[in-house]
Structure formats: C-alpha cells, structure tokens
All heavy atoms as atom14 arrays in JSON, in Angstrom:
{
  "sequence": "AKAIMTTDKFPKLAWGSVESENGSAQILGMCKGAGMICPDMATMLGFI",
  "atom14_mask": [
    [1, 1, 1, 1, 1, 0, 0, 0, 0, 0, 0, 0, 0, 0],
    [1, 1, 1, 1, 1, 1, 1, 1, 1, 0, 0, 0, 0, 0],
    [1, 1, 1, 1, 1, 0, 0, 0, 0, 0, 0, 0, 0, 0],
    [1, 1, 1, 1, 1, 1, 1, 1, 0, 0, 0, 0, 0, 0],
    [1, 1, 1, 1, 1, 1, 1, 1, 0, 0, 0, 0, 0, 0],
    [1, 1, 1, 1, 1, 1, 1, 0, 0, 0, 0, 0, 0, 0],
    [1, 1, 1, 1, 1, 1, 1, 0, 0, 0, 0, 0, 0, 0],
    [1, 1, 1, 1, 1, 1, 1, 1, 0, 0, 0, 0, 0, 0],
    [1, 1, 1, 1, 1, 1, 1, 1, 1, 0, 0, 0, 0, 0],
    [1, 1, 1, 1, 1, 1, 1, 1, 1, 1, 1, 0, 0, 0],
    [1, 1, 1, 1, 1, 1, 1, 0, 0, 0, 0, 0, 0, 0],
    [1, 1, 1, 1, 1, 1, 1, 1, 1, 0, 0, 0, 0, 0],
    [1, 1, 1, 1, 1, 1, 1, 1, 0, 0, 0, 0, 0, 0],
    [1, 1, 1, 1, 1, 0, 0, 0, 0, 0, 0, 0, 0, 0],
    [1, 1, 1, 1, 1, 1, 1, 1, 1, 1, 1, 1, 1, 1],
    [1, 1, 1, 1, 0, 0, 0, 0, 0, 0, 0, 0, 0, 0],
    [1, 1, 1, 1, 1, 1, 0, 0, 0, 0, 0, 0, 0, 0],
    [1, 1, 1, 1, 1, 1, 1, 0, 0, 0, 0, 0, 0, 0],
    [1, 1, 1, 1, 1, 1, 1, 1, 1, 0, 0, 0, 0, 0],
    [1, 1, 1, 1, 1, 1, 0, 0, 0, 0, 0, 0, 0, 0],
    [1, 1, 1, 1, 1, 1, 1, 1, 1, 0, 0, 0, 0, 0],
    [1, 1, 1, 1, 1, 1, 1, 1, 0, 0, 0, 0, 0, 0],
    [1, 1, 1, 1, 0, 0, 0, 0, 0, 0, 0, 0, 0, 0],
    [1, 1, 1, 1, 1, 1, 0, 0, 0, 0, 0, 0, 0, 0],
    [1, 1, 1, 1, 1, 0, 0, 0, 0, 0, 0, 0, 0, 0],
    [1, 1, 1, 1, 1, 1, 1, 1, 1, 0, 0, 0, 0, 0],
    [1, 1, 1, 1, 1, 1, 1, 1, 0, 0, 0, 0, 0, 0],
    [1, 1, 1, 1, 1, 1, 1, 1, 0, 0, 0, 0, 0, 0],
    [1, 1, 1, 1, 0, 0, 0, 0, 0, 0, 0, 0, 0, 0],
    [1, 1, 1, 1, 1, 1, 1, 1, 0, 0, 0, 0, 0, 0],
    [1, 1, 1, 1, 1, 1, 0, 0, 0, 0, 0, 0, 0, 0],
    [1, 1, 1, 1, 1, 1, 1, 1, 1, 0, 0, 0, 0, 0],
    [1, 1, 1, 1, 0, 0, 0, 0, 0, 0, 0, 0, 0, 0],
    [1, 1, 1, 1, 1, 0, 0, 0, 0, 0, 0, 0, 0, 0],
    [1, 1, 1, 1, 0, 0, 0, 0, 0, 0, 0, 0, 0, 0],
    [1, 1, 1, 1, 1, 1, 1, 1, 0, 0, 0, 0, 0, 0],
    [1, 1, 1, 1, 1, 1, 1, 1, 0, 0, 0, 0, 0, 0],
    [1, 1, 1, 1, 1, 1, 0, 0, 0, 0, 0, 0, 0, 0],
    [1, 1, 1, 1, 1, 1, 1, 0, 0, 0, 0, 0, 0, 0],
    [1, 1, 1, 1, 1, 1, 1, 1, 0, 0, 0, 0, 0, 0],
    [1, 1, 1, 1, 1, 1, 1, 1, 0, 0, 0, 0, 0, 0],
    [1, 1, 1, 1, 1, 0, 0, 0, 0, 0, 0, 0, 0, 0],
    [1, 1, 1, 1, 1, 1, 1, 0, 0, 0, 0, 0, 0, 0],
    [1, 1, 1, 1, 1, 1, 1, 1, 0, 0, 0, 0, 0, 0],
    [1, 1, 1, 1, 1, 1, 1, 1, 0, 0, 0, 0, 0, 0],
    [1, 1, 1, 1, 0, 0, 0, 0, 0, 0, 0, 0, 0, 0],
    [1, 1, 1, 1, 1, 1, 1, 1, 1, 1, 1, 0, 0, 0],
    [1, 1, 1, 1, 1, 1, 1, 1, 0, 0, 0, 0, 0, 0]
  ],
  "atom14_positions": [
    [[-37.45, -14.14, 1.21], [-37.62, -12.76, 0.76], [-38.43, -12.7, -0.53], [-39.2, -11.75, -0.75], [-36.26, -12.1, 0.57], [0.0, 0.0, 0.0], [0.0, 0.0, 0.0], [0.0, 0.0, 0.0], [0.0, 0.0, 0.0], [0.0, 0.0, 0.0], [0.0, 0.0, 0.0], [0.0, 0.0, 0.0], [0.0, 0.0, 0.0], [0.0, 0.0, 0.0]],
    [[-38.26, -13.68, -1.39], [-39.05, -13.73, -2.64], [-40.51, -14.07, -2.35], [-41.42, -13.54, -3.0], [-38.46, -14.77, -3.59], [-37.14, -14.38, -4.22], [-36.63, -15.46, -5.16], [-35.33, -15.06, -5.84], [-34.82, -16.13, -6.74], [0.0, 0.0, 0.0], [0.0, 0.0, 0.0], [0.0, 0.0, 0.0], [0.0, 0.0, 0.0], [0.0, 0.0, 0.0]],
    [[-40.75, -14.93, -1.38], [-42.1, -15.4, -1.1], [-43.0, -14.32, -0.5], [-44.23, -14.41, -0.59], [-42.06, -16.61, -0.18], [0.0, 0.0, 0.0], [0.0, 0.0, 0.0], [0.0, 0.0, 0.0], [0.0, 0.0, 0.0], [0.0, 0.0, 0.0], [0.0, 0.0, 0.0], [0.0, 0.0, 0.0], [0.0, 0.0, 0.0], [0.0, 0.0, 0.0]],
    [[-42.41, -13.29, 0.13], [-43.23, -12.24, 0.73], [-43.47, -11.07, -0.22], [-44.15, -10.11, 0.12], [-42.59, -11.72, 2.04], [-41.26, -10.99, 1.78], [-42.42, -12.85, 3.04], [-40.66, -10.36, 3.03], [0.0, 0.0, 0.0], [0.0, 0.0, 0.0], [0.0, 0.0, 0.0], [0.0, 0.0, 0.0], [0.0, 0.0, 0.0], [0.0, 0.0, 0.0]],
    [[-42.94, -11.15, -1.45], [-43.08, -10.06, -2.42], [-44.51, -9.97, -2.97], [-45.21, -10.96, -3.05], [-42.1, -10.26, -3.59], [-40.65, -10.09, -3.23], [-39.5, -10.73, -4.49], [-40.11, -9.96, -5.98], [0.0, 0.0, 0.0], [0.0, 0.0, 0.0], [0.0, 0.0, 0.0], [0.0, 0.0, 0.0], [0.0, 0.0, 0.0], [0.0, 0.0, 0.0]],
    [[-44.89, -8.75, -3.36], [-46.13, -8.55, -4.13], [-45.76, -7.87, -5.44], [-45.44, -8.51, -6.41], [-47.18, -7.75, -3.33], [-46.58, -6.56, -2.81], [-47.72, -8.58, -2.17], [0.0, 0.0, 0.0], [0.0, 0.0, 0.0], [0.0, 0.0, 0.0], [0.0, 0.0, 0.0], [0.0, 0.0, 0.0], [0.0, 0.0, 0.0], [0.0, 0.0, 0.0]],
    [[-45.75, -6.53, -5.45], [-45.37, -5.82, -6.68], [-43.87, -5.55, -6.74], [-43.4, -4.88, -7.66], [-46.13, -4.49, -6.8], [-45.84, -3.66, -5.67], [-47.63, -4.72, -6.9], [0.0, 0.0, 0.0], [0.0, 0.0, 0.0], [0.0, 0.0, 0.0], [0.0, 0.0, 0.0], [0.0, 0.0, 0.0], [0.0, 0.0, 0.0], [0.0, 0.0, 0.0]],
    [[-43.12, -6.05, -5.79], [-41.66, -5.87, -5.79], [-41.05, -6.48, -7.05], [-41.47, -7.54, -7.51], [-41.04, -6.56, -4.56], [-41.7, -6.15, -3.27], [-42.9, -6.43, -3.09], [-41.01, -5.58, -2.43], [0.0, 0.0, 0.0], [0.0, 0.0, 0.0], [0.0, 0.0, 0.0], [0.0, 0.0, 0.0], [0.0, 0.0, 0.0], [0.0, 0.0, 0.0]],
    [[-40.01, -5.84, -7.53], [-39.28, -6.37, -8.7], [-38.14, -7.29, -8.28], [-37.66, -8.09, -9.08], [-38.74, -5.23, -9.56], [-39.82, -4.39, -10.23], [-39.25, -3.42, -11.25], [-38.5, -2.26, -10.6], [-39.36, -1.31, -9.91], [0.0, 0.0, 0.0], [0.0, 0.0, 0.0], [0.0, 0.0, 0.0], [0.0, 0.0, 0.0], [0.0, 0.0, 0.0]],
    [[-37.65, -7.14, -7.06], [-36.55, -7.99, -6.61], [-36.64, -8.2, -5.1], [-37.21, -7.38, -4.38], [-35.19, -7.38, -6.98], [-34.93, -6.01, -6.41], [-34.41, -5.86, -5.13], [-35.19, -4.87, -7.15], [-34.15, -4.62, -4.61], [-34.95, -3.61, -6.63], [-34.42, -3.48, -5.35], [0.0, 0.0, 0.0], [0.0, 0.0, 0.0], [0.0, 0.0, 0.0]],
    [[-36.09, -9.32, -4.6], [-36.09, -9.57, -3.15], [-35.11, -8.64, -2.45], [-34.07, -8.29, -3.0], [-35.65, -11.03, -3.04], [-34.84, -11.27, -4.27], [-35.46, -10.43, -5.35], [0.0, 0.0, 0.0], [0.0, 0.0, 0.0], [0.0, 0.0, 0.0], [0.0, 0.0, 0.0], [0.0, 0.0, 0.0], [0.0, 0.0, 0.0], [0.0, 0.0, 0.0]],
    [[-35.45, -8.25, -1.24], [-34.65, -7.27, -0.51], [-34.09, -7.9, 0.75], [-34.85, -8.27, 1.66], [-35.5, -6.05, -0.18], [-36.1, -5.39, -1.42], [-37.14, -4.35, -1.05], [-37.75, -3.74, -2.3], [-38.55, -4.72, -3.09], [0.0, 0.0, 0.0], [0.0, 0.0, 0.0], [0.0, 0.0, 0.0], [0.0, 0.0, 0.0], [0.0, 0.0, 0.0]],
    [[-32.77, -8.02, 0.81], [-32.09, -8.57, 1.98], [-30.88, -7.72, 2.3], [-30.24, -7.16, 1.42], [-31.63, -10.01, 1.73], [-32.7, -11.07, 1.52], [-32.72, -11.49, 0.07], [-32.44, -12.28, 2.41], [0.0, 0.0, 0.0], [0.0, 0.0, 0.0], [0.0, 0.0, 0.0], [0.0, 0.0, 0.0], [0.0, 0.0, 0.0], [0.0, 0.0, 0.0]],
    [[-30.57, -7.64, 3.6], [-29.35, -6.97, 4.06], [-28.88, -7.69, 5.3], [-29.68, -8.24, 6.06], [-29.61, -5.49, 4.35], [0.0, 0.0, 0.0], [0.0, 0.0, 0.0], [0.0, 0.0, 0.0], [0.0, 0.0, 0.0], [0.0, 0.0, 0.0], [0.0, 0.0, 0.0], [0.0, 0.0, 0.0], [0.0, 0.0, 0.0], [0.0, 0.0, 0.0]],
    [[-27.59, -7.7, 5.52], [-27.05, -8.44, 6.66], [-25.76, -7.79, 7.16], [-25.16, -6.95, 6.49], [-26.81, -9.9, 6.3], [-25.87, -10.1, 5.15], [-24.52, -10.25, 5.18], [-26.23, -10.15, 3.76], [-24.01, -10.4, 3.92], [-25.04, -10.35, 3.02], [-27.45, -10.04, 3.07], [-25.03, -10.45, 1.64], [-27.44, -10.15, 1.7], [-26.25, -10.34, 0.99]],
    [[-25.37, -8.19, 8.35], [-24.15, -7.67, 8.94], [-23.77, -8.48, 10.15], [-24.41, -9.48, 10.5], [0.0, 0.0, 0.0], [0.0, 0.0, 0.0], [0.0, 0.0, 0.0], [0.0, 0.0, 0.0], [0.0, 0.0, 0.0], [0.0, 0.0, 0.0], [0.0, 0.0, 0.0], [0.0, 0.0, 0.0], [0.0, 0.0, 0.0], [0.0, 0.0, 0.0]],
    [[-22.72, -8.06, 10.82], [-22.25, -8.76, 12.01], [-21.68, -7.75, 12.99], [-21.4, -6.6, 12.64], [-21.19, -9.8, 11.64], [-20.05, -9.17, 11.07], [0.0, 0.0, 0.0], [0.0, 0.0, 0.0], [0.0, 0.0, 0.0], [0.0, 0.0, 0.0], [0.0, 0.0, 0.0], [0.0, 0.0, 0.0], [0.0, 0.0, 0.0], [0.0, 0.0, 0.0]],
    [[-21.52, -8.2, 14.21], [-20.96, -7.36, 15.26], [-20.11, -8.24, 16.16], [-20.43, -9.42, 16.36], [-22.1, -6.64, 16.03], [-23.03, -7.64, 16.69], [-21.55, -5.67, 17.05], [0.0, 0.0, 0.0], [0.0, 0.0, 0.0], [0.0, 0.0, 0.0], [0.0, 0.0, 0.0], [0.0, 0.0, 0.0], [0.0, 0.0, 0.0], [0.0, 0.0, 0.0]],
    [[-19.03, -7.69, 16.7], [-18.11, -8.49, 17.51], [-17.83, -7.83, 18.85], [-17.91, -6.61, 18.99], [-16.79, -8.7, 16.77], [-16.91, -9.5, 15.49], [-15.55, -9.77, 14.85], [-14.54, -9.33, 15.41], [-15.53, -10.41, 13.79], [0.0, 0.0, 0.0], [0.0, 0.0, 0.0], [0.0, 0.0, 0.0], [0.0, 0.0, 0.0], [0.0, 0.0, 0.0]],
    [[-17.53, -8.66, 19.83], [-17.1, -8.19, 21.15], [-15.99, -9.11, 21.63], [-15.6, -10.05, 20.93], [-18.27, -8.21, 22.13], [-18.63, -9.55, 22.45], [0.0, 0.0, 0.0], [0.0, 0.0, 0.0], [0.0, 0.0, 0.0], [0.0, 0.0, 0.0], [0.0, 0.0, 0.0], [0.0, 0.0, 0.0], [0.0, 0.0, 0.0], [0.0, 0.0, 0.0]],
    [[-15.5, -8.87, 22.83], [-14.45, -9.73, 23.38], [-14.94, -11.16, 23.58], [-14.16, -12.11, 23.53], [-13.97, -9.16, 24.72], [-13.25, -7.82, 24.6], [-12.8, -7.31, 25.96], [-13.16, -7.96, 26.97], [-12.11, -6.28, 26.01], [0.0, 0.0, 0.0], [0.0, 0.0, 0.0], [0.0, 0.0, 0.0], [0.0, 0.0, 0.0], [0.0, 0.0, 0.0]],
    [[-16.24, -11.3, 23.79], [-16.79, -12.63, 24.09], [-17.25, -13.39, 22.85], [-17.52, -14.59, 22.93], [-17.97, -12.5, 25.06], [-17.53, -11.92, 26.39], [-16.46, -12.24, 26.87], [-18.36, -11.07, 26.98], [0.0, 0.0, 0.0], [0.0, 0.0, 0.0], [0.0, 0.0, 0.0], [0.0, 0.0, 0.0], [0.0, 0.0, 0.0], [0.0, 0.0, 0.0]],
    [[-17.38, -12.72, 21.72], [-17.83, -13.42, 20.54], [-18.46, -12.48, 19.52], [-18.34, -11.26, 19.62], [0.0, 0.0, 0.0], [0.0, 0.0, 0.0], [0.0, 0.0, 0.0], [0.0, 0.0, 0.0], [0.0, 0.0, 0.0], [0.0, 0.0, 0.0], [0.0, 0.0, 0.0], [0.0, 0.0, 0.0], [0.0, 0.0, 0.0], [0.0, 0.0, 0.0]],
    [[-19.15, -13.06, 18.56], [-19.76, -12.27, 17.49], [-21.22, -12.67, 17.31], [-21.65, -13.74, 17.75], [-19.0, -12.48, 16.18], [-19.07, -13.83, 15.77], [0.0, 0.0, 0.0], [0.0, 0.0, 0.0], [0.0, 0.0, 0.0], [0.0, 0.0, 0.0], [0.0, 0.0, 0.0], [0.0, 0.0, 0.0], [0.0, 0.0, 0.0], [0.0, 0.0, 0.0]],
    [[-21.98, -11.78, 16.68], [-23.38, -12.04, 16.38], [-23.66, -11.66, 14.94], [-23.01, -10.76, 14.38], [-24.28, -11.25, 17.32], [0.0, 0.0, 0.0], [0.0, 0.0, 0.0], [0.0, 0.0, 0.0], [0.0, 0.0, 0.0], [0.0, 0.0, 0.0], [0.0, 0.0, 0.0], [0.0, 0.0, 0.0], [0.0, 0.0, 0.0], [0.0, 0.0, 0.0]],
    [[-24.62, -12.35, 14.34], [-25.05, -12.07, 12.98], [-26.43, -11.45, 13.01], [-27.26, -11.78, 13.87], [-25.08, -13.36, 12.15], [-23.8, -14.17, 12.2], [-22.62, -13.44, 11.62], [-22.74, -12.78, 10.6], [-21.48, -13.54, 12.28], [0.0, 0.0, 0.0], [0.0, 0.0, 0.0], [0.0, 0.0, 0.0], [0.0, 0.0, 0.0], [0.0, 0.0, 0.0]],
    [[-26.68, -10.58, 12.03], [-28.0, -9.96, 11.9], [-28.39, -9.98, 10.43], [-27.56, -9.7, 9.56], [-28.01, -8.54, 12.49], [-29.41, -7.94, 12.45], [-27.0, -7.63, 11.82], [-29.55, -6.69, 13.3], [0.0, 0.0, 0.0], [0.0, 0.0, 0.0], [0.0, 0.0, 0.0], [0.0, 0.0, 0.0], [0.0, 0.0, 0.0], [0.0, 0.0, 0.0]],
    [[-29.64, -10.35, 10.15], [-30.13, -10.46, 8.78], [-31.52, -9.87, 8.71], [-32.38, -10.14, 9.56], [-30.18, -11.94, 8.35], [-30.88, -12.26, 7.04], [-30.04, -11.78, 5.86], [-31.13, -13.77, 6.92], [0.0, 0.0, 0.0], [0.0, 0.0, 0.0], [0.0, 0.0, 0.0], [0.0, 0.0, 0.0], [0.0, 0.0, 0.0], [0.0, 0.0, 0.0]],
    [[-31.76, -9.04, 7.69], [-33.07, -8.45, 7.51], [-33.59, -8.68, 6.11], [-32.82, -8.78, 5.15], [0.0, 0.0, 0.0], [0.0, 0.0, 0.0], [0.0, 0.0, 0.0], [0.0, 0.0, 0.0], [0.0, 0.0, 0.0], [0.0, 0.0, 0.0], [0.0, 0.0, 0.0], [0.0, 0.0, 0.0], [0.0, 0.0, 0.0], [0.0, 0.0, 0.0]],
    [[-34.9, -8.78, 5.99], [-35.55, -8.85, 4.69], [-36.83, -8.02, 4.76], [-37.41, -7.83, 5.83], [-35.88, -10.3, 4.31], [-36.93, -10.95, 5.19], [-37.25, -12.67, 4.73], [-35.71, -13.45, 5.21], [0.0, 0.0, 0.0], [0.0, 0.0, 0.0], [0.0, 0.0, 0.0], [0.0, 0.0, 0.0], [0.0, 0.0, 0.0], [0.0, 0.0, 0.0]],
    [[-37.26, -7.51, 3.62], [-38.49, -6.74, 3.61], [-39.13, -6.81, 2.23], [-38.51, -7.23, 1.25], [-38.25, -5.29, 4.01], [-37.32, -4.33, 2.8], [0.0, 0.0, 0.0], [0.0, 0.0, 0.0], [0.0, 0.0, 0.0], [0.0, 0.0, 0.0], [0.0, 0.0, 0.0], [0.0, 0.0, 0.0], [0.0, 0.0, 0.0], [0.0, 0.0, 0.0]],
    [[-40.4, -6.45, 2.18], [-41.08, -6.27, 0.91], [-41.73, -4.89, 0.95], [-42.18, -4.42, 1.99], [-42.1, -7.37, 0.65], [-43.25, -7.51, 1.63], [-44.41, -6.56, 1.45], [-44.94, -6.55, 0.04], [-46.04, -5.52, -0.1], [0.0, 0.0, 0.0], [0.0, 0.0, 0.0], [0.0, 0.0, 0.0], [0.0, 0.0, 0.0], [0.0, 0.0, 0.0]],
    [[-41.78, -4.26, -0.19], [-42.41, -2.95, -0.27], [-41.97, -2.23, -1.52], [-40.79, -2.23, -1.86], [0.0, 0.0, 0.0], [0.0, 0.0, 0.0], [0.0, 0.0, 0.0], [0.0, 0.0, 0.0], [0.0, 0.0, 0.0], [0.0, 0.0, 0.0], [0.0, 0.0, 0.0], [0.0, 0.0, 0.0], [0.0, 0.0, 0.0], [0.0, 0.0, 0.0]],
    [[-42.93, -1.68, -2.24], [-42.64, -0.89, -3.42], [-43.68, 0.2, -3.61], [-43.42, 1.21, -4.25], [-42.58, -1.79, -4.66], [0.0, 0.0, 0.0], [0.0, 0.0, 0.0], [0.0, 0.0, 0.0], [0.0, 0.0, 0.0], [0.0, 0.0, 0.0], [0.0, 0.0, 0.0], [0.0, 0.0, 0.0], [0.0, 0.0, 0.0], [0.0, 0.0, 0.0]],
    [[-44.88, -0.01, -3.06], [-45.94, 0.99, -3.12], [-46.58, 1.13, -1.76], [-46.3, 0.37, -0.84], [0.0, 0.0, 0.0], [0.0, 0.0, 0.0], [0.0, 0.0, 0.0], [0.0, 0.0, 0.0], [0.0, 0.0, 0.0], [0.0, 0.0, 0.0], [0.0, 0.0, 0.0], [0.0, 0.0, 0.0], [0.0, 0.0, 0.0], [0.0, 0.0, 0.0]],
    [[-47.46, 2.12, -1.6], [-48.03, 2.48, -0.3], [-46.9, 2.72, 0.7], [-46.87, 2.16, 1.8], [-49.0, 1.41, 0.21], [-50.23, 1.21, -0.65], [-51.47, 0.12, 0.05], [-52.39, 1.23, 1.1], [0.0, 0.0, 0.0], [0.0, 0.0, 0.0], [0.0, 0.0, 0.0], [0.0, 0.0, 0.0], [0.0, 0.0, 0.0], [0.0, 0.0, 0.0]],
    [[-45.96, 3.56, 0.29], [-44.76, 3.81, 1.09], [-44.73, 5.28, 1.49], [-44.71, 6.18, 0.63], [-43.48, 3.48, 0.3], [-43.53, 2.02, -0.2], [-42.25, 3.72, 1.15], [-43.53, 0.97, 0.86], [0.0, 0.0, 0.0], [0.0, 0.0, 0.0], [0.0, 0.0, 0.0], [0.0, 0.0, 0.0], [0.0, 0.0, 0.0], [0.0, 0.0, 0.0]],
    [[-44.72, 5.54, 2.78], [-44.65, 6.91, 3.29], [-44.22, 6.87, 4.74], [-44.5, 5.9, 5.44], [-46.02, 7.58, 3.17], [-46.04, 9.33, 3.63], [0.0, 0.0, 0.0], [0.0, 0.0, 0.0], [0.0, 0.0, 0.0], [0.0, 0.0, 0.0], [0.0, 0.0, 0.0], [0.0, 0.0, 0.0], [0.0, 0.0, 0.0], [0.0, 0.0, 0.0]],
    [[-43.53, 7.9, 5.23], [-43.13, 7.89, 6.64], [-44.32, 7.73, 7.56], [-45.42, 8.12, 7.26], [-42.48, 9.26, 6.82], [-42.0, 9.64, 5.47], [-43.03, 9.09, 4.53], [0.0, 0.0, 0.0], [0.0, 0.0, 0.0], [0.0, 0.0, 0.0], [0.0, 0.0, 0.0], [0.0, 0.0, 0.0], [0.0, 0.0, 0.0], [0.0, 0.0, 0.0]],
    [[-44.04, 7.19, 8.67], [-44.86, 6.96, 9.83], [-45.29, 5.55, 9.89], [-46.41, 5.19, 9.64], [-46.01, 7.91, 10.0], [-45.6, 9.09, 10.81], [-44.61, 8.94, 11.56], [-46.2, 10.13, 10.71], [0.0, 0.0, 0.0], [0.0, 0.0, 0.0], [0.0, 0.0, 0.0], [0.0, 0.0, 0.0], [0.0, 0.0, 0.0], [0.0, 0.0, 0.0]],
    [[-44.31, 4.93, 10.21], [-44.08, 3.57, 10.55], [-44.46, 2.63, 9.54], [-45.5, 2.26, 9.51], [-44.88, 3.13, 11.69], [-44.66, 1.68, 12.07], [-43.76, 0.47, 11.29], [-44.05, -0.11, 9.93], [0.0, 0.0, 0.0], [0.0, 0.0, 0.0], [0.0, 0.0, 0.0], [0.0, 0.0, 0.0], [0.0, 0.0, 0.0], [0.0, 0.0, 0.0]],
    [[-43.96, 1.89, 9.48], [-42.82, 1.19, 8.99], [-42.88, 1.08, 7.51], [-41.91, 0.77, 6.92], [-42.76, -0.19, 9.56], [0.0, 0.0, 0.0], [0.0, 0.0, 0.0], [0.0, 0.0, 0.0], [0.0, 0.0, 0.0], [0.0, 0.0, 0.0], [0.0, 0.0, 0.0], [0.0, 0.0, 0.0], [0.0, 0.0, 0.0], [0.0, 0.0, 0.0]],
    [[-44.0, 1.36, 6.95], [-44.14, 1.52, 5.49], [-44.02, 0.26, 4.66], [-43.91, 0.38, 3.46], [-43.15, 2.57, 4.96], [-41.83, 2.09, 5.09], [-43.28, 3.87, 5.66], [0.0, 0.0, 0.0], [0.0, 0.0, 0.0], [0.0, 0.0, 0.0], [0.0, 0.0, 0.0], [0.0, 0.0, 0.0], [0.0, 0.0, 0.0], [0.0, 0.0, 0.0]],
    [[-44.04, -0.92, 5.24], [-44.0, -2.17, 4.49], [-43.97, -3.33, 5.45], [-44.24, -3.14, 6.61], [-42.82, -2.2, 3.53], [-41.41, -2.16, 4.0], [-40.96, -1.34, 5.44], [-40.22, -2.64, 6.35], [0.0, 0.0, 0.0], [0.0, 0.0, 0.0], [0.0, 0.0, 0.0], [0.0, 0.0, 0.0], [0.0, 0.0, 0.0], [0.0, 0.0, 0.0]],
    [[-43.63, -4.52, 4.99], [-43.37, -5.64, 5.89], [-41.87, -5.87, 5.96], [-41.2, -5.97, 4.93], [-44.05, -6.93, 5.4], [-45.57, -6.94, 5.34], [-46.05, -8.34, 4.95], [-46.2, -6.52, 6.66], [0.0, 0.0, 0.0], [0.0, 0.0, 0.0], [0.0, 0.0, 0.0], [0.0, 0.0, 0.0], [0.0, 0.0, 0.0], [0.0, 0.0, 0.0]],
    [[-41.34, -5.97, 7.18], [-39.92, -6.21, 7.36], [-39.69, -7.2, 8.49], [-40.44, -7.19, 9.49], [0.0, 0.0, 0.0], [0.0, 0.0, 0.0], [0.0, 0.0, 0.0], [0.0, 0.0, 0.0], [0.0, 0.0, 0.0], [0.0, 0.0, 0.0], [0.0, 0.0, 0.0], [0.0, 0.0, 0.0], [0.0, 0.0, 0.0], [0.0, 0.0, 0.0]],
    [[-38.68, -8.05, 8.33], [-38.37, -9.07, 9.32], [-36.87, -9.13, 9.53], [-36.1, -9.24, 8.57], [-38.92, -10.44, 8.86], [-40.37, -10.39, 8.5], [-40.75, -10.17, 7.18], [-41.34, -10.49, 9.48], [-42.09, -10.07, 6.84], [-42.68, -10.39, 9.15], [-43.06, -10.18, 7.84], [0.0, 0.0, 0.0], [0.0, 0.0, 0.0], [0.0, 0.0, 0.0]],
    [[-36.46, -9.02, 10.78], [-35.05, -8.98, 11.13], [-34.78, -10.08, 12.15], [-35.51, -10.21, 13.15], [-34.67, -7.61, 11.71], [-34.91, -6.51, 10.66], [-33.22, -7.59, 12.18], [-34.94, -5.12, 11.22], [0.0, 0.0, 0.0], [0.0, 0.0, 0.0], [0.0, 0.0, 0.0], [0.0, 0.0, 0.0], [0.0, 0.0, 0.0], [0.0, 0.0, 0.0]]
  ]
}
C-alpha cells in the first residue's frame, strides 16, 4: 500500500471476513488516491 502511493499522506488498507456453514473467507483492499478524485469510476487505483 505504501509502494503505490504518490501524493498520499498515508497508506490505505481495509479488510474483513465472511463466514458460512462451510467455512470463512478473508477480504483485503488497498488503494491510493488523494487528488484527481471525482465520481465516475473509480477515481484512483484500488486492489482487492
């Protein structure tokens, strides 16, 4: 997350999990973006 930064002041990460009767899954996302941000897709680089 730090390596993909440009003008970002801090690395951006978020994560979570989900469970079912058969097991659980993990999900992790990271992105960079601080400028050139406006609606209509996706407004930065993000990886999940």
